[in-house]
Amino acid sequence: MPEPRPPAPDDIRLRKILDDTLIAPRWPDGFLMRTFEHTDAQALHALLTEVFEEGKDAPFDAWWPGLSGDAEFDPELCFLVIDGKGLLAGAALCWTSAFVKDLVVHPEARGRGIGEALMRQAFAAFAARGAGHVDLKTNTLDNAAAVRLYERLGMKPVAWEG
């Protein structure tokens, strides 16, 4: 995995131990999950830049080669949620080292359980690959709602270095 940047104030690393208590994802009515295809790159970039402040200045032509060329990128570990109109409603972009790089849900699709289902999908995928745990980094102030979700899913703080 690429070395993460040094933590910012209030950044934490959370871990989910993958054991026999995992619960399968439940997708809300009208939404389906599939893995990433090359033609999804523009929509994924647009969703990430719409929701995250970080990376707003990264144009697609710089972002995509960096992502797709990363040794940790595997399209099978990029889970997309599509709404009834065929639009990207959410995504979990994971590195092969069992690290959730980005979890994003479009503001209009929030409150339906998409984020929880995406995380459960990531847990199941990494368990199937033999991983013992899944990690992610978040900020306790900027992402308080996400922290509550991660804690509800059984994720616990670990040392920054993992």
N, C-alpha and C. Protein backbone atom coordinates (compact mmCIF):
# COMPACT_ATOMS: atom_id res chain seq x y z
N MET A 1 0.85 -1.18 0.00
CA MET A 1 0.00 0.00 0.00
C MET A 1 0.89 1.23 0.00
N PRO A 2 0.50 2.26 -0.74
CA PRO A 2 1.28 3.49 -0.69
C PRO A 2 1.30 4.03 0.73
N GLU A 3 2.41 4.63 1.08
CA GLU A 3 2.51 5.22 2.41
C GLU A 3 1.46 6.31 2.56
N PRO A 4 0.59 6.20 3.57
CA PRO A 4 -0.40 7.27 3.76
C PRO A 4 0.30 8.53 4.22
N ARG A 5 -0.34 9.65 3.89
CA ARG A 5 0.19 10.92 4.37
C ARG A 5 0.18 10.91 5.89
N PRO A 6 1.00 11.72 6.51
CA PRO A 6 0.94 11.83 7.97
C PRO A 6 -0.47 12.25 8.37
N PRO A 7 -0.92 11.76 9.49
CA PRO A 7 -2.28 12.10 9.90
C PRO A 7 -2.45 13.59 10.17
N ALA A 8 -3.60 14.08 9.77
CA ALA A 8 -3.98 15.46 10.10
C ALA A 8 -4.58 15.44 11.50
N PRO A 9 -4.75 16.61 12.11
CA PRO A 9 -5.40 16.62 13.42
C PRO A 9 -6.76 15.93 13.30
N ASP A 10 -7.06 15.10 14.27
CA ASP A 10 -8.32 14.37 14.37
C ASP A 10 -8.47 13.22 13.37
N ASP A 11 -7.41 12.87 12.62
CA ASP A 11 -7.46 11.68 11.79
C ASP A 11 -7.30 10.44 12.66
N ILE A 12 -8.03 9.39 12.31
CA ILE A 12 -7.88 8.11 12.99
C ILE A 12 -7.85 6.99 11.95
N ARG A 13 -7.25 5.90 12.34
CA ARG A 13 -7.25 4.68 11.53
C ARG A 13 -8.15 3.70 12.25
N LEU A 14 -9.11 3.12 11.52
CA LEU A 14 -10.05 2.17 12.10
C LEU A 14 -9.86 0.81 11.44
N ARG A 15 -10.16 -0.25 12.19
CA ARG A 15 -9.98 -1.61 11.70
C ARG A 15 -11.20 -2.46 12.03
N LYS A 16 -11.58 -3.28 11.07
CA LYS A 16 -12.61 -4.28 11.26
C LYS A 16 -11.94 -5.64 11.16
N ILE A 17 -12.06 -6.43 12.23
CA ILE A 17 -11.55 -7.80 12.21
C ILE A 17 -12.57 -8.63 11.42
N LEU A 18 -12.08 -9.38 10.46
CA LEU A 18 -12.95 -10.20 9.62
C LEU A 18 -13.05 -11.59 10.24
N ASP A 19 -14.22 -11.87 10.78
CA ASP A 19 -14.44 -13.15 11.44
C ASP A 19 -15.77 -13.73 10.98
N ASP A 20 -16.26 -14.73 11.67
CA ASP A 20 -17.49 -15.40 11.24
C ASP A 20 -18.76 -14.64 11.62
N THR A 21 -18.62 -13.41 12.12
CA THR A 21 -19.80 -12.62 12.46
C THR A 21 -20.19 -11.63 11.36
N LEU A 22 -19.53 -11.72 10.21
CA LEU A 22 -19.82 -10.79 9.12
C LEU A 22 -21.26 -10.96 8.63
N ILE A 23 -21.87 -9.84 8.33
CA ILE A 23 -23.24 -9.80 7.82
C ILE A 23 -23.19 -9.39 6.35
N ALA A 24 -23.96 -10.09 5.51
CA ALA A 24 -23.98 -9.79 4.08
C ALA A 24 -24.57 -8.40 3.84
N PRO A 25 -24.13 -7.73 2.78
CA PRO A 25 -24.70 -6.41 2.46
C PRO A 25 -26.16 -6.54 2.03
N ARG A 26 -26.93 -5.53 2.36
CA ARG A 26 -28.33 -5.44 1.93
C ARG A 26 -28.48 -4.16 1.13
N TRP A 27 -28.79 -4.29 -0.14
CA TRP A 27 -28.88 -3.13 -1.02
C TRP A 27 -30.29 -2.57 -0.97
N PRO A 28 -30.43 -1.26 -0.85
CA PRO A 28 -31.77 -0.67 -0.82
C PRO A 28 -32.52 -0.92 -2.12
N ASP A 29 -33.85 -0.98 -2.02
CA ASP A 29 -34.67 -1.15 -3.22
C ASP A 29 -34.35 -0.06 -4.23
N GLY A 30 -34.25 -0.46 -5.49
CA GLY A 30 -33.99 0.49 -6.56
C GLY A 30 -32.51 0.75 -6.81
N PHE A 31 -31.63 0.10 -6.06
CA PHE A 31 -30.19 0.28 -6.22
C PHE A 31 -29.55 -1.08 -6.44
N LEU A 32 -28.49 -1.11 -7.25
CA LEU A 32 -27.76 -2.35 -7.43
C LEU A 32 -26.27 -2.07 -7.32
N MET A 33 -25.54 -3.10 -6.93
CA MET A 33 -24.09 -2.98 -6.78
C MET A 33 -23.43 -3.78 -7.88
N ARG A 34 -22.38 -3.21 -8.43
CA ARG A 34 -21.52 -3.92 -9.37
C ARG A 34 -20.11 -3.40 -9.21
N THR A 35 -19.16 -4.12 -9.79
CA THR A 35 -17.78 -3.66 -9.72
C THR A 35 -17.48 -2.69 -10.86
N PHE A 36 -16.39 -2.01 -10.69
CA PHE A 36 -15.93 -0.95 -11.59
C PHE A 36 -15.61 -1.48 -12.98
N GLU A 37 -15.96 -0.70 -13.98
CA GLU A 37 -15.55 -0.92 -15.37
C GLU A 37 -14.86 0.36 -15.84
N HIS A 38 -13.96 0.23 -16.78
CA HIS A 38 -13.19 1.38 -17.26
C HIS A 38 -14.09 2.56 -17.63
N THR A 39 -15.26 2.29 -18.18
CA THR A 39 -16.17 3.37 -18.59
C THR A 39 -16.78 4.11 -17.41
N ASP A 40 -16.57 3.62 -16.18
CA ASP A 40 -17.08 4.28 -14.98
C ASP A 40 -16.14 5.35 -14.43
N ALA A 41 -14.95 5.45 -14.99
CA ALA A 41 -13.92 6.32 -14.41
C ALA A 41 -14.38 7.77 -14.30
N GLN A 42 -14.96 8.33 -15.35
CA GLN A 42 -15.40 9.74 -15.31
C GLN A 42 -16.45 9.95 -14.24
N ALA A 43 -17.44 9.05 -14.15
CA ALA A 43 -18.51 9.20 -13.16
C ALA A 43 -17.96 9.07 -11.74
N LEU A 44 -17.02 8.15 -11.53
CA LEU A 44 -16.43 7.99 -10.21
C LEU A 44 -15.65 9.25 -9.83
N HIS A 45 -14.87 9.77 -10.73
CA HIS A 45 -14.12 10.99 -10.45
C HIS A 45 -15.07 12.14 -10.12
N ALA A 46 -16.14 12.27 -10.90
CA ALA A 46 -17.10 13.34 -10.66
C ALA A 46 -17.74 13.22 -9.27
N LEU A 47 -18.10 12.01 -8.87
CA LEU A 47 -18.70 11.81 -7.55
C LEU A 47 -17.70 12.13 -6.44
N LEU A 48 -16.49 11.65 -6.57
CA LEU A 48 -15.48 11.92 -5.56
C LEU A 48 -15.21 13.41 -5.43
N THR A 49 -15.09 14.11 -6.54
CA THR A 49 -14.80 15.54 -6.46
C THR A 49 -16.00 16.34 -5.99
N GLU A 50 -17.21 15.85 -6.24
CA GLU A 50 -18.40 16.54 -5.74
C GLU A 50 -18.50 16.44 -4.22
N VAL A 51 -18.15 15.30 -3.68
CA VAL A 51 -18.37 15.05 -2.25
C VAL A 51 -17.16 15.42 -1.39
N PHE A 52 -15.96 15.17 -1.87
CA PHE A 52 -14.77 15.39 -1.06
C PHE A 52 -14.10 16.72 -1.40
N GLU A 53 -13.74 17.46 -0.38
CA GLU A 53 -12.96 18.69 -0.58
C GLU A 53 -11.57 18.33 -1.09
N GLU A 54 -10.99 17.32 -0.47
CA GLU A 54 -9.66 16.87 -0.83
C GLU A 54 -9.69 16.36 -2.27
N GLY A 55 -8.80 16.81 -3.08
CA GLY A 55 -8.72 16.32 -4.45
C GLY A 55 -9.57 17.09 -5.45
N LYS A 56 -10.26 18.13 -5.00
CA LYS A 56 -11.11 18.90 -5.92
C LYS A 56 -10.30 19.52 -7.05
N ASP A 57 -9.02 19.75 -6.80
CA ASP A 57 -8.19 20.38 -7.82
C ASP A 57 -7.55 19.38 -8.76
N ALA A 58 -7.78 18.08 -8.53
CA ALA A 58 -7.17 17.06 -9.37
C ALA A 58 -8.03 16.82 -10.60
N PRO A 59 -7.59 17.29 -11.75
CA PRO A 59 -8.38 17.04 -12.96
C PRO A 59 -8.37 15.54 -13.29
N PHE A 60 -9.39 15.12 -14.01
CA PHE A 60 -9.52 13.71 -14.36
C PHE A 60 -8.26 13.18 -15.02
N ASP A 61 -7.67 13.96 -15.92
CA ASP A 61 -6.50 13.50 -16.67
C ASP A 61 -5.28 13.26 -15.79
N ALA A 62 -5.25 13.81 -14.60
CA ALA A 62 -4.18 13.53 -13.64
C ALA A 62 -4.61 12.43 -12.68
N TRP A 63 -5.87 12.46 -12.26
CA TRP A 63 -6.39 11.50 -11.28
C TRP A 63 -6.41 10.08 -11.82
N TRP A 64 -6.98 9.87 -13.00
CA TRP A 64 -7.18 8.52 -13.51
C TRP A 64 -5.87 7.75 -13.72
N PRO A 65 -4.85 8.32 -14.38
CA PRO A 65 -3.60 7.56 -14.52
C PRO A 65 -2.97 7.23 -13.16
N GLY A 66 -3.09 8.15 -12.20
CA GLY A 66 -2.55 7.88 -10.88
C GLY A 66 -3.26 6.73 -10.19
N LEU A 67 -4.57 6.71 -10.31
CA LEU A 67 -5.35 5.64 -9.68
C LEU A 67 -5.15 4.32 -10.41
N SER A 68 -5.41 4.31 -11.70
CA SER A 68 -5.38 3.05 -12.46
C SER A 68 -3.97 2.47 -12.55
N GLY A 69 -2.95 3.31 -12.44
CA GLY A 69 -1.58 2.83 -12.48
C GLY A 69 -1.02 2.42 -11.14
N ASP A 70 -1.78 2.61 -10.08
CA ASP A 70 -1.31 2.25 -8.74
C ASP A 70 -1.30 0.73 -8.58
N ALA A 71 -0.23 0.20 -8.03
CA ALA A 71 -0.11 -1.25 -7.85
C ALA A 71 -1.21 -1.82 -6.96
N GLU A 72 -1.81 -1.00 -6.12
CA GLU A 72 -2.87 -1.46 -5.21
C GLU A 72 -4.27 -1.39 -5.83
N PHE A 73 -4.40 -0.83 -7.02
CA PHE A 73 -5.71 -0.70 -7.65
C PHE A 73 -6.12 -2.01 -8.31
N ASP A 74 -7.32 -2.46 -7.99
CA ASP A 74 -7.93 -3.63 -8.60
C ASP A 74 -9.39 -3.29 -8.86
N PRO A 75 -9.83 -3.23 -10.12
CA PRO A 75 -11.22 -2.87 -10.40
C PRO A 75 -12.23 -3.76 -9.68
N GLU A 76 -11.84 -4.99 -9.36
CA GLU A 76 -12.74 -5.90 -8.65
C GLU A 76 -12.95 -5.46 -7.20
N LEU A 77 -12.13 -4.54 -6.73
CA LEU A 77 -12.26 -4.03 -5.36
C LEU A 77 -12.79 -2.59 -5.35
N CYS A 78 -13.38 -2.19 -6.44
CA CYS A 78 -14.05 -0.90 -6.51
C CYS A 78 -15.54 -1.20 -6.72
N PHE A 79 -16.32 -1.01 -5.67
CA PHE A 79 -17.73 -1.37 -5.67
C PHE A 79 -18.57 -0.13 -5.92
N LEU A 80 -19.42 -0.22 -6.93
CA LEU A 80 -20.26 0.91 -7.32
C LEU A 80 -21.72 0.59 -7.05
N VAL A 81 -22.45 1.59 -6.58
CA VAL A 81 -23.89 1.45 -6.39
C VAL A 81 -24.56 2.35 -7.42
N ILE A 82 -25.45 1.75 -8.20
CA ILE A 82 -26.12 2.44 -9.29
C ILE A 82 -27.60 2.57 -8.93
N ASP A 83 -28.16 3.77 -9.18
CA ASP A 83 -29.58 3.98 -8.87
C ASP A 83 -30.45 3.54 -10.04
N GLY A 84 -31.75 3.66 -9.88
CA GLY A 84 -32.71 3.23 -10.89
C GLY A 84 -32.60 3.95 -12.21
N LYS A 85 -31.96 5.12 -12.23
CA LYS A 85 -31.77 5.89 -13.46
C LYS A 85 -30.43 5.58 -14.13
N GLY A 86 -29.68 4.67 -13.52
CA GLY A 86 -28.38 4.32 -14.06
C GLY A 86 -27.26 5.23 -13.63
N LEU A 87 -27.51 6.08 -12.62
CA LEU A 87 -26.51 7.03 -12.14
C LEU A 87 -25.75 6.46 -10.94
N LEU A 88 -24.51 6.88 -10.82
CA LEU A 88 -23.66 6.44 -9.71
C LEU A 88 -24.13 7.10 -8.42
N ALA A 89 -24.58 6.29 -7.47
CA ALA A 89 -25.09 6.79 -6.19
C ALA A 89 -24.08 6.65 -5.07
N GLY A 90 -23.11 5.77 -5.22
CA GLY A 90 -22.12 5.56 -4.18
C GLY A 90 -21.02 4.65 -4.66
N ALA A 91 -19.90 4.66 -3.92
CA ALA A 91 -18.77 3.82 -4.30
C ALA A 91 -17.89 3.56 -3.09
N ALA A 92 -17.28 2.39 -3.09
CA ALA A 92 -16.22 2.06 -2.15
C ALA A 92 -15.02 1.66 -3.00
N LEU A 93 -13.97 2.44 -2.92
CA LEU A 93 -12.75 2.18 -3.66
C LEU A 93 -11.73 1.64 -2.67
N CYS A 94 -11.32 0.40 -2.87
CA CYS A 94 -10.45 -0.28 -1.91
C CYS A 94 -9.11 -0.64 -2.55
N TRP A 95 -8.07 -0.59 -1.75
CA TRP A 95 -6.75 -1.04 -2.17
C TRP A 95 -6.63 -2.54 -1.90
N THR A 96 -5.75 -3.20 -2.61
CA THR A 96 -5.57 -4.64 -2.46
C THR A 96 -5.04 -5.03 -1.08
N SER A 97 -4.50 -4.10 -0.34
CA SER A 97 -3.97 -4.38 1.01
C SER A 97 -5.07 -4.37 2.06
N ALA A 98 -6.33 -4.52 1.65
CA ALA A 98 -7.47 -4.53 2.57
C ALA A 98 -7.62 -3.18 3.26
N PHE A 99 -7.56 -2.14 2.46
CA PHE A 99 -7.70 -0.77 2.95
C PHE A 99 -8.78 -0.08 2.12
N VAL A 100 -9.76 0.49 2.79
CA VAL A 100 -10.81 1.25 2.09
C VAL A 100 -10.26 2.65 1.85
N LYS A 101 -9.91 2.92 0.62
CA LYS A 101 -9.32 4.21 0.26
C LYS A 101 -10.37 5.31 0.29
N ASP A 102 -11.52 5.06 -0.34
CA ASP A 102 -12.59 6.05 -0.39
C ASP A 102 -13.94 5.35 -0.25
N LEU A 103 -14.80 5.93 0.56
CA LEU A 103 -16.20 5.54 0.64
C LEU A 103 -16.99 6.81 0.41
N VAL A 104 -17.86 6.80 -0.59
CA VAL A 104 -18.58 8.01 -0.95
C VAL A 104 -20.01 7.65 -1.34
N VAL A 105 -20.96 8.46 -0.86
CA VAL A 105 -22.37 8.31 -1.23
C VAL A 105 -22.85 9.69 -1.66
N HIS A 106 -23.49 9.73 -2.82
CA HIS A 106 -24.02 11.00 -3.33
C HIS A 106 -24.99 11.59 -2.31
N PRO A 107 -24.95 12.90 -2.07
CA PRO A 107 -25.84 13.51 -1.07
C PRO A 107 -27.32 13.15 -1.24
N GLU A 108 -27.79 13.02 -2.47
CA GLU A 108 -29.20 12.69 -2.70
C GLU A 108 -29.54 11.23 -2.40
N ALA A 109 -28.52 10.39 -2.23
CA ALA A 109 -28.74 8.97 -1.96
C ALA A 109 -28.46 8.59 -0.51
N ARG A 110 -28.09 9.55 0.31
CA ARG A 110 -27.75 9.26 1.70
C ARG A 110 -28.99 8.90 2.53
N GLY A 111 -28.73 8.20 3.62
CA GLY A 111 -29.79 7.83 4.54
C GLY A 111 -30.55 6.58 4.14
N ARG A 112 -30.05 5.85 3.17
CA ARG A 112 -30.73 4.64 2.69
C ARG A 112 -29.97 3.37 3.00
N GLY A 113 -28.82 3.50 3.64
CA GLY A 113 -28.02 2.31 3.96
C GLY A 113 -26.99 1.93 2.92
N ILE A 114 -26.75 2.81 1.95
CA ILE A 114 -25.79 2.51 0.89
C ILE A 114 -24.37 2.42 1.44
N GLY A 115 -23.99 3.35 2.29
CA GLY A 115 -22.65 3.33 2.87
C GLY A 115 -22.42 2.06 3.68
N GLU A 116 -23.39 1.68 4.48
CA GLU A 116 -23.26 0.44 5.27
C GLU A 116 -23.14 -0.77 4.36
N ALA A 117 -23.98 -0.85 3.33
CA ALA A 117 -23.92 -1.99 2.42
C ALA A 117 -22.58 -2.04 1.69
N LEU A 118 -22.06 -0.88 1.28
CA LEU A 118 -20.75 -0.85 0.63
C LEU A 118 -19.65 -1.35 1.56
N MET A 119 -19.69 -0.94 2.80
CA MET A 119 -18.68 -1.42 3.75
C MET A 119 -18.81 -2.92 3.97
N ARG A 120 -20.03 -3.41 4.10
CA ARG A 120 -20.22 -4.86 4.27
C ARG A 120 -19.74 -5.62 3.03
N GLN A 121 -19.92 -5.04 1.85
CA GLN A 121 -19.41 -5.65 0.62
C GLN A 121 -17.89 -5.72 0.66
N ALA A 122 -17.25 -4.64 1.08
CA ALA A 122 -15.78 -4.63 1.19
C ALA A 122 -15.31 -5.69 2.19
N PHE A 123 -15.98 -5.77 3.34
CA PHE A 123 -15.60 -6.78 4.34
C PHE A 123 -15.68 -8.18 3.73
N ALA A 124 -16.79 -8.47 3.04
CA ALA A 124 -16.99 -9.80 2.46
C ALA A 124 -15.95 -10.10 1.39
N ALA A 125 -15.64 -9.10 0.55
CA ALA A 125 -14.66 -9.31 -0.52
C ALA A 125 -13.29 -9.62 0.06
N PHE A 126 -12.89 -8.88 1.08
CA PHE A 126 -11.57 -9.13 1.65
C PHE A 126 -11.53 -10.42 2.45
N ALA A 127 -12.62 -10.78 3.10
CA ALA A 127 -12.68 -12.06 3.80
C ALA A 127 -12.53 -13.20 2.79
N ALA A 128 -13.18 -13.07 1.63
CA ALA A 128 -13.07 -14.09 0.59
C ALA A 128 -11.64 -14.19 0.05
N ARG A 129 -10.89 -13.11 0.14
CA ARG A 129 -9.49 -13.11 -0.31
C ARG A 129 -8.55 -13.54 0.80
N GLY A 130 -9.08 -13.88 1.96
CA GLY A 130 -8.25 -14.37 3.05
C GLY A 130 -7.68 -13.31 3.97
N ALA A 131 -8.12 -12.07 3.85
CA ALA A 131 -7.62 -11.00 4.73
C ALA A 131 -8.16 -11.21 6.15
N GLY A 132 -7.38 -10.81 7.12
CA GLY A 132 -7.80 -10.92 8.51
C GLY A 132 -8.51 -9.69 9.03
N HIS A 133 -8.33 -8.57 8.32
CA HIS A 133 -8.97 -7.33 8.75
C HIS A 133 -9.03 -6.35 7.57
N VAL A 134 -9.82 -5.31 7.76
CA VAL A 134 -9.94 -4.21 6.81
C VAL A 134 -9.73 -2.92 7.57
N ASP A 135 -8.93 -2.01 7.02
CA ASP A 135 -8.64 -0.73 7.64
C ASP A 135 -9.14 0.42 6.77
N LEU A 136 -9.26 1.58 7.39
CA LEU A 136 -9.51 2.82 6.68
C LEU A 136 -9.05 3.97 7.55
N LYS A 137 -8.94 5.14 6.93
CA LYS A 137 -8.58 6.36 7.65
C LYS A 137 -9.73 7.33 7.49
N THR A 138 -10.05 8.03 8.57
CA THR A 138 -11.08 9.06 8.50
C THR A 138 -10.74 10.16 9.50
N ASN A 139 -11.54 11.20 9.47
CA ASN A 139 -11.34 12.32 10.38
C ASN A 139 -12.55 12.42 11.30
N THR A 140 -12.29 12.47 12.58
CA THR A 140 -13.39 12.43 13.55
C THR A 140 -14.24 13.69 13.54
N LEU A 141 -13.69 14.82 13.12
CA LEU A 141 -14.47 16.05 13.07
C LEU A 141 -15.18 16.23 11.74
N ASP A 142 -14.44 16.07 10.65
CA ASP A 142 -15.00 16.29 9.32
C ASP A 142 -15.99 15.20 8.92
N ASN A 143 -15.84 14.01 9.47
CA ASN A 143 -16.64 12.86 9.07
C ASN A 143 -17.31 12.17 10.26
N ALA A 144 -17.89 12.95 11.14
CA ALA A 144 -18.48 12.38 12.35
C ALA A 144 -19.55 11.34 12.04
N ALA A 145 -20.38 11.58 11.04
CA ALA A 145 -21.43 10.60 10.69
C ALA A 145 -20.80 9.31 10.18
N ALA A 146 -19.74 9.42 9.40
CA ALA A 146 -19.05 8.23 8.91
C ALA A 146 -18.42 7.46 10.06
N VAL A 147 -17.83 8.16 11.01
CA VAL A 147 -17.23 7.49 12.17
C VAL A 147 -18.29 6.69 12.91
N ARG A 148 -19.48 7.28 13.07
CA ARG A 148 -20.56 6.53 13.75
C ARG A 148 -20.92 5.27 12.97
N LEU A 149 -20.97 5.36 11.65
CA LEU A 149 -21.24 4.18 10.83
C LEU A 149 -20.16 3.13 11.04
N TYR A 150 -18.91 3.52 10.95
CA TYR A 150 -17.81 2.57 11.09
C TYR A 150 -17.82 1.90 12.46
N GLU A 151 -18.09 2.67 13.49
CA GLU A 151 -18.17 2.09 14.84
C GLU A 151 -19.33 1.11 14.94
N ARG A 152 -20.47 1.46 14.34
CA ARG A 152 -21.64 0.57 14.35
C ARG A 152 -21.31 -0.75 13.63
N LEU A 153 -20.42 -0.69 12.65
CA LEU A 153 -20.01 -1.88 11.91
C LEU A 153 -18.92 -2.67 12.63
N GLY A 154 -18.53 -2.21 13.81
CA GLY A 154 -17.55 -2.94 14.60
C GLY A 154 -16.10 -2.54 14.36
N MET A 155 -15.88 -1.43 13.71
CA MET A 155 -14.52 -0.97 13.47
C MET A 155 -13.99 -0.28 14.73
N LYS A 156 -12.73 -0.54 15.03
CA LYS A 156 -12.08 0.00 16.24
C LYS A 156 -10.81 0.76 15.87
N PRO A 157 -10.49 1.81 16.64
CA PRO A 157 -9.24 2.54 16.38
C PRO A 157 -8.01 1.65 16.59
N VAL A 158 -7.03 1.85 15.72
CA VAL A 158 -5.74 1.17 15.86
C VAL A 158 -4.65 2.23 15.67
N ALA A 159 -3.42 1.84 15.95
CA ALA A 159 -2.29 2.76 15.78
C ALA A 159 -2.23 3.24 14.33
N TRP A 160 -1.81 4.49 14.15
CA TRP A 160 -1.76 5.06 12.81
C TRP A 160 -0.97 4.18 11.86
N GLU A 161 0.11 3.62 12.31
CA GLU A 161 0.97 2.80 11.46
C GLU A 161 0.32 1.48 11.09
N GLY A 162 -0.82 1.15 11.75
CA GLY A 162 -1.54 -0.08 11.43
C GLY A 162 -1.02 -1.23 12.23
